[in-house]
Amino acid sequence: QVQLVESGGGLVQPGGSLTLSCTASGITYGINAMGWYRQAPGQARDLVAMVATGQAPHYKGFAKGRFTISRDIAKNTVTLQMNNLNADDSAVYYCNVWPRPTQNGEDVWGKGTLVTVSS
């Protein structure tokens, strides 16, 4: 089965740092890109950053200069180093890949990892 497993979330103070990790498994096709999304309460899931094979990373505006995405192609893993966190960064963070994996007609998503930025 396709699995996306995120880890590394937790409670962090404003201005602090956190590193998230993700492992993708059970995908039988070639993965071109890996990336991170986040979803805050009452909001839609939003792309944070992604990186494709042989290309420079892409970041949403709120992530530029603060977050760094890194991918290990051989291990099918991707990390997100987050610095200078603020309360608006609090969300459940999910990883995924491109092309998007599907099972039973639905996109596959992991459980995500919760990041809470609070004093």
Protein backbone atom coordinates (compact mmCIF):
# COMPACT_ATOMS: atom_id res chain seq x y z
CA GLN A 1 0.00 0.00 0.00
CA VAL A 2 1.06 3.57 -0.60
CA GLN A 3 2.12 5.24 2.61
CA LEU A 4 3.16 8.75 3.48
CA VAL A 5 4.49 9.05 7.00
CA GLU A 6 5.32 12.42 8.54
CA SER A 7 7.16 13.03 11.78
CA GLY A 8 8.94 15.73 13.73
CA GLY A 9 6.08 17.98 14.77
CA GLY A 10 5.59 19.28 18.25
CA LEU A 11 5.33 22.34 20.43
CA VAL A 12 7.77 25.15 19.75
CA GLN A 13 8.05 28.74 20.97
CA PRO A 14 7.73 31.70 18.61
CA GLY A 15 11.07 32.29 16.93
CA GLY A 16 12.03 28.68 17.39
CA SER A 17 12.91 26.00 14.88
CA LEU A 18 11.64 22.58 13.97
CA THR A 19 12.54 19.96 11.37
CA LEU A 20 9.91 17.72 9.82
CA SER A 21 10.59 14.45 8.02
CA CYS A 22 8.58 12.34 5.61
CA THR A 23 9.00 8.92 4.07
CA ALA A 24 7.02 7.75 1.06
CA SER A 25 6.68 4.03 0.43
CA GLY A 26 4.71 1.59 -1.69
CA ILE A 27 4.77 3.82 -4.76
CA THR A 28 5.43 1.82 -7.90
CA TYR A 29 5.86 4.69 -10.35
CA GLY A 30 8.71 7.14 -10.54
CA ILE A 31 8.41 10.06 -8.14
CA ASN A 32 9.25 13.33 -9.83
CA ALA A 33 8.80 15.65 -6.89
CA MET A 34 8.16 15.70 -3.17
CA GLY A 35 6.75 18.47 -1.08
CA TRP A 36 5.00 19.72 2.01
CA TYR A 37 1.51 21.06 2.65
CA ARG A 38 -0.05 22.44 5.78
CA GLN A 39 -3.59 22.85 7.04
CA ALA A 40 -4.56 25.15 9.87
CA PRO A 41 -7.92 24.82 11.65
CA GLY A 42 -10.78 26.04 9.46
CA GLN A 43 -8.53 26.49 6.44
CA ALA A 44 -7.79 24.58 3.28
CA ARG A 45 -4.69 22.51 2.82
CA ASP A 46 -1.98 24.80 1.44
CA LEU A 47 1.25 24.02 -0.36
CA VAL A 48 4.33 25.06 1.61
CA ALA A 49 7.27 23.92 -0.49
CA MET A 50 8.19 21.36 -3.10
CA VAL A 51 11.25 20.20 -4.98
CA ALA A 52 11.40 18.24 -8.21
CA THR A 53 14.20 16.12 -9.61
CA GLY A 54 16.94 18.29 -11.06
CA GLN A 55 15.21 21.54 -10.18
CA ALA A 56 15.53 24.24 -7.57
CA PRO A 57 13.04 24.15 -4.70
CA HIS A 58 9.83 26.14 -4.81
CA TYR A 59 8.50 27.93 -1.73
CA LYS A 60 5.31 29.75 -0.94
CA GLY A 61 5.86 33.38 0.02
CA PHE A 62 5.40 32.81 3.74
CA ALA A 63 8.08 30.13 3.67
CA LYS A 64 10.76 31.94 1.70
CA GLY A 65 13.83 32.71 3.77
CA ARG A 66 12.53 30.74 6.75
CA PHE A 67 11.95 27.19 5.53
CA THR A 68 14.28 24.85 3.69
CA ILE A 69 13.12 21.74 1.86
CA SER A 70 15.52 18.88 1.21
CA ARG A 71 14.89 15.63 -0.63
CA ASP A 72 16.76 12.34 -0.66
CA ILE A 73 15.71 10.69 -3.92
CA ALA A 74 17.27 7.31 -3.13
CA LYS A 75 15.44 7.05 0.19
CA ASN A 76 12.15 8.60 -0.94
CA THR A 77 12.34 11.04 1.92
CA VAL A 78 11.87 14.77 2.24
CA THR A 79 12.51 17.12 5.14
CA LEU A 80 11.38 20.61 5.98
CA GLN A 81 13.63 22.74 8.16
CA MET A 82 11.55 25.52 9.65
CA ASN A 83 13.12 28.53 11.34
CA ASN A 84 11.78 31.68 12.97
CA LEU A 85 8.38 30.10 13.50
CA ASN A 86 5.36 32.18 14.40
CA ALA A 87 1.81 31.42 15.48
CA ASP A 88 0.56 31.48 11.89
CA ASP A 89 2.75 28.46 11.19
CA SER A 90 0.68 26.32 13.56
CA ALA A 91 -0.93 23.62 11.45
CA VAL A 92 -0.93 19.96 10.58
CA TYR A 93 1.87 19.43 8.08
CA TYR A 94 1.55 16.80 5.36
CA CYS A 95 3.93 15.56 2.73
CA ASN A 96 3.10 14.24 -0.69
CA VAL A 97 4.61 13.42 -4.05
CA TRP A 98 4.09 14.16 -7.73
CA PRO A 99 2.56 12.54 -9.67
CA ARG A 100 -0.10 12.36 -6.99
CA PRO A 101 -0.72 8.83 -5.67
CA THR A 102 -4.25 7.52 -5.68
CA GLN A 103 -5.98 4.49 -4.20
CA ASN A 104 -9.61 3.58 -4.76
CA GLY A 105 -10.12 6.81 -6.68
CA GLU A 106 -8.89 9.06 -3.86
CA ASP A 107 -5.66 10.93 -3.33
CA VAL A 108 -3.43 9.33 -0.75
CA TRP A 109 -2.49 11.43 2.26
CA GLY A 110 -0.74 10.58 5.46
CA LYS A 111 -1.88 11.46 8.95
CA GLY A 112 0.32 14.53 9.05
CA THR A 113 2.32 15.88 11.94
CA LEU A 114 1.07 18.66 14.17
CA VAL A 115 3.12 21.80 14.66
CA THR A 116 2.06 24.15 17.42
CA VAL A 117 3.82 27.48 17.84
CA SER A 118 2.97 28.99 21.20
CA SER A 119 4.49 30.64 24.23
